[in-house]
Amino acid sequence: MIILSASGIVAGFVNGFFGTGGGLIAFYTLVLIGCDTRRALATANFIILALSLFSFALYIKAGTLSADSVRAFFKADLLPALIGGGVGAYLSGKISPRLLKKIFSALVILCGIKGVMG
């Protein structure tokens, strides 16, 4: 329980500070404590939802995020994002947990390289 609580604090901080990344921490923590890959990804997605909604509210309150940018997102990006999320969730249940973990880890590495390289 201490590991999960500490991970939750770190995931929340990272997500609030960077606007992303809390789910990665949640996922790898869940795997570390023995959760299978699919369950860890699904649970991390739920955690991301909660973190994102909370961070979103704080960004709005602080004036960091404007109503215009939120409206633009809803008009242009929300439906494609929902479709992509649905397809991804469906396909993640069709491949082996081992391959799923490798694909996810490769994506994390690629994002890390992009972040370091600019």
C-alpha atoms as a PDB file:
ATOM      1  CA  MET A   1       0.000   0.000   0.000  1.00  0.00           C
ATOM      2  CA  ILE A   2       2.896   2.368   0.741  1.00  0.00           C
ATOM      3  CA  ILE A   3       4.318   1.774  -2.748  1.00  0.00           C
ATOM      4  CA  LEU A   4       0.963   2.602  -4.350  1.00  0.00           C
ATOM      5  CA  SER A   5       0.505   5.723  -2.223  1.00  0.00           C
ATOM      6  CA  ALA A   6       4.012   6.978  -2.995  1.00  0.00           C
ATOM      7  CA  SER A   7       3.494   6.200  -6.671  1.00  0.00           C
ATOM      8  CA  GLY A   8       0.203   8.081  -6.601  1.00  0.00           C
ATOM      9  CA  ILE A   9       1.883  11.183  -5.198  1.00  0.00           C
ATOM     10  CA  VAL A  10       4.648  11.027  -7.801  1.00  0.00           C
ATOM     11  CA  ALA A  11       2.219  10.296 -10.657  1.00  0.00           C
ATOM     12  CA  GLY A  12      -0.010  13.196  -9.629  1.00  0.00           C
ATOM     13  CA  PHE A  13       2.930  15.572  -9.358  1.00  0.00           C
ATOM     14  CA  VAL A  14       4.402  14.526 -12.701  1.00  0.00           C
ATOM     15  CA  ASN A  15       1.041  14.769 -14.447  1.00  0.00           C
ATOM     16  CA  GLY A  16       0.310  18.175 -12.944  1.00  0.00           C
ATOM     17  CA  PHE A  17       3.790  19.553 -13.550  1.00  0.00           C
ATOM     18  CA  PHE A  18       4.358  18.262 -17.089  1.00  0.00           C
ATOM     19  CA  GLY A  19       0.769  17.750 -18.199  1.00  0.00           C
ATOM     20  CA  THR A  20       1.546  14.090 -18.931  1.00  0.00           C
ATOM     21  CA  GLY A  21       3.470  11.142 -17.580  1.00  0.00           C
ATOM     22  CA  GLY A  22       1.474  10.199 -14.512  1.00  0.00           C
ATOM     23  CA  GLY A  23       0.009   7.213 -16.297  1.00  0.00           C
ATOM     24  CA  LEU A  24       3.475   5.862 -17.097  1.00  0.00           C
ATOM     25  CA  ILE A  25       4.390   5.924 -13.448  1.00  0.00           C
ATOM     26  CA  ALA A  26       1.098   4.290 -12.513  1.00  0.00           C
ATOM     27  CA  PHE A  27       1.517   1.584 -15.166  1.00  0.00           C
ATOM     28  CA  TYR A  28       5.051   0.598 -14.218  1.00  0.00           C
ATOM     29  CA  THR A  29       4.215   0.676 -10.505  1.00  0.00           C
ATOM     30  CA  LEU A  30       1.288  -1.665 -11.075  1.00  0.00           C
ATOM     31  CA  VAL A  31       3.497  -4.033 -13.093  1.00  0.00           C
ATOM     32  CA  LEU A  32       6.162  -3.834 -10.359  1.00  0.00           C
ATOM     33  CA  ILE A  33       3.691  -5.035  -7.720  1.00  0.00           C
ATOM     34  CA  GLY A  34       2.615  -7.956  -9.918  1.00  0.00           C
ATOM     35  CA  CYS A  35      -0.359  -6.675 -11.897  1.00  0.00           C
ATOM     36  CA  ASP A  36      -0.656  -8.238 -15.364  1.00  0.00           C
ATOM     37  CA  THR A  37      -0.004  -5.953 -18.339  1.00  0.00           C
ATOM     38  CA  ARG A  38      -3.594  -5.574 -19.556  1.00  0.00           C
ATOM     39  CA  ARG A  39      -4.967  -4.848 -16.093  1.00  0.00           C
ATOM     40  CA  ALA A  40      -2.107  -2.409 -15.416  1.00  0.00           C
ATOM     41  CA  LEU A  41      -2.828  -0.516 -18.659  1.00  0.00           C
ATOM     42  CA  ALA A  42      -6.565  -0.382 -17.976  1.00  0.00           C
ATOM     43  CA  THR A  43      -6.016   0.774 -14.398  1.00  0.00           C
ATOM     44  CA  ALA A  44      -3.450   3.350 -15.511  1.00  0.00           C
ATOM     45  CA  ASN A  45      -5.995   4.709 -18.004  1.00  0.00           C
ATOM     46  CA  PHE A  46      -8.499   5.190 -15.202  1.00  0.00           C
ATOM     47  CA  ILE A  47      -5.829   6.926 -13.120  1.00  0.00           C
ATOM     48  CA  ILE A  48      -4.945   9.149 -16.093  1.00  0.00           C
ATOM     49  CA  LEU A  49      -8.601  10.167 -16.402  1.00  0.00           C
ATOM     50  CA  ALA A  50      -8.747  11.250 -12.765  1.00  0.00           C
ATOM     51  CA  LEU A  51      -5.386  13.036 -12.914  1.00  0.00           C
ATOM     52  CA  SER A  52      -6.253  14.752 -16.173  1.00  0.00           C
ATOM     53  CA  LEU A  53      -9.632  16.003 -14.988  1.00  0.00           C
ATOM     54  CA  PHE A  54      -8.109  17.392 -11.805  1.00  0.00           C
ATOM     55  CA  SER A  55      -5.172  19.004 -13.637  1.00  0.00           C
ATOM     56  CA  PHE A  56      -7.552  20.352 -16.292  1.00  0.00           C
ATOM     57  CA  ALA A  57      -9.635  22.100 -13.625  1.00  0.00           C
ATOM     58  CA  LEU A  58      -6.523  23.628 -12.051  1.00  0.00           C
ATOM     59  CA  TYR A  59      -5.185  24.788 -15.431  1.00  0.00           C
ATOM     60  CA  ILE A  60      -8.539  26.470 -16.187  1.00  0.00           C
ATOM     61  CA  LYS A  61      -8.583  28.100 -12.742  1.00  0.00           C
ATOM     62  CA  ALA A  62      -5.011  29.374 -13.165  1.00  0.00           C
ATOM     63  CA  GLY A  63      -5.798  30.785 -16.613  1.00  0.00           C
ATOM     64  CA  THR A  64      -3.207  28.536 -18.265  1.00  0.00           C
ATOM     65  CA  LEU A  65      -5.840  27.028 -20.536  1.00  0.00           C
ATOM     66  CA  SER A  66      -8.255  29.268 -22.391  1.00  0.00           C
ATOM     67  CA  ALA A  67     -11.860  28.549 -23.249  1.00  0.00           C
ATOM     68  CA  ASP A  68     -10.969  29.096 -26.926  1.00  0.00           C
ATOM     69  CA  SER A  69      -8.354  26.340 -26.904  1.00  0.00           C
ATOM     70  CA  VAL A  70     -10.778  23.973 -25.155  1.00  0.00           C
ATOM     71  CA  ARG A  71     -13.462  24.712 -27.769  1.00  0.00           C
ATOM     72  CA  ALA A  72     -10.950  24.169 -30.585  1.00  0.00           C
ATOM     73  CA  PHE A  73      -9.992  20.799 -29.109  1.00  0.00           C
ATOM     74  CA  PHE A  74     -13.599  19.682 -28.845  1.00  0.00           C
ATOM     75  CA  LYS A  75     -14.306  20.712 -32.438  1.00  0.00           C
ATOM     76  CA  ALA A  76     -11.234  19.201 -34.087  1.00  0.00           C
ATOM     77  CA  ASP A  77      -9.703  16.562 -31.850  1.00  0.00           C
ATOM     78  CA  LEU A  78     -12.214  14.952 -29.521  1.00  0.00           C
ATOM     79  CA  LEU A  79     -14.010  12.608 -31.920  1.00  0.00           C
ATOM     80  CA  PRO A  80     -10.795  11.347 -33.564  1.00  0.00           C
ATOM     81  CA  ALA A  81      -9.248  10.866 -30.110  1.00  0.00           C
ATOM     82  CA  LEU A  82     -12.271   8.862 -28.938  1.00  0.00           C
ATOM     83  CA  ILE A  83     -12.193   6.702 -32.068  1.00  0.00           C
ATOM     84  CA  GLY A  84      -8.454   6.109 -31.683  1.00  0.00           C
ATOM     85  CA  GLY A  85      -8.895   5.272 -28.005  1.00  0.00           C
ATOM     86  CA  GLY A  86     -11.626   2.778 -28.786  1.00  0.00           C
ATOM     87  CA  VAL A  87      -9.644   1.086 -31.536  1.00  0.00           C
ATOM     88  CA  GLY A  88      -6.532   0.988 -29.347  1.00  0.00           C
ATOM     89  CA  ALA A  89      -8.415  -0.517 -26.404  1.00  0.00           C
ATOM     90  CA  TYR A  90      -9.956  -3.144 -28.683  1.00  0.00           C
ATOM     91  CA  LEU A  91      -6.638  -4.064 -30.312  1.00  0.00           C
ATOM     92  CA  SER A  92      -4.769  -4.199 -26.999  1.00  0.00           C
ATOM     93  CA  GLY A  93      -7.034  -7.090 -26.031  1.00  0.00           C
ATOM     94  CA  LYS A  94      -6.131  -8.977 -29.204  1.00  0.00           C
ATOM     95  CA  ILE A  95      -2.351  -9.161 -28.840  1.00  0.00           C
ATOM     96  CA  SER A  96      -0.264 -10.977 -26.261  1.00  0.00           C
ATOM     97  CA  PRO A  97       0.517  -9.150 -23.020  1.00  0.00           C
ATOM     98  CA  ARG A  98       4.217  -9.595 -23.715  1.00  0.00           C
ATOM     99  CA  LEU A  99       3.977  -7.898 -27.127  1.00  0.00           C
ATOM    100  CA  LEU A 100       1.722  -5.204 -25.670  1.00  0.00           C
ATOM    101  CA  LYS A 101       4.331  -4.427 -23.018  1.00  0.00           C
ATOM    102  CA  LYS A 102       7.099  -4.283 -25.638  1.00  0.00           C
ATOM    103  CA  ILE A 103       5.124  -1.918 -27.875  1.00  0.00           C
ATOM    104  CA  PHE A 104       4.283   0.317 -24.929  1.00  0.00           C
ATOM    105  CA  SER A 105       7.898   0.362 -23.741  1.00  0.00           C
ATOM    106  CA  ALA A 106       9.141   1.184 -27.249  1.00  0.00           C
ATOM    107  CA  LEU A 107       6.720   4.107 -27.395  1.00  0.00           C
ATOM    108  CA  VAL A 108       7.998   5.367 -24.038  1.00  0.00           C
ATOM    109  CA  ILE A 109      11.599   5.122 -25.284  1.00  0.00           C
ATOM    110  CA  LEU A 110      10.778   6.957 -28.522  1.00  0.00           C
ATOM    111  CA  CYS A 111       9.033   9.744 -26.594  1.00  0.00           C
ATOM    112  CA  GLY A 112      12.023   9.976 -24.273  1.00  0.00           C
ATOM    113  CA  ILE A 113      14.432  10.259 -27.185  1.00  0.00           C
ATOM    114  CA  LYS A 114      12.258  12.946 -28.792  1.00  0.00           C
ATOM    115  CA  GLY A 115      12.153  14.832 -25.490  1.00  0.00           C
ATOM    116  CA  VAL A 116      15.932  14.730 -25.096  1.00  0.00           C
ATOM    117  CA  MET A 117      16.646  15.587 -28.740  1.00  0.00           C
ATOM    118  CA  GLY A 118      14.203  18.488 -28.795  1.00  0.00           C
END
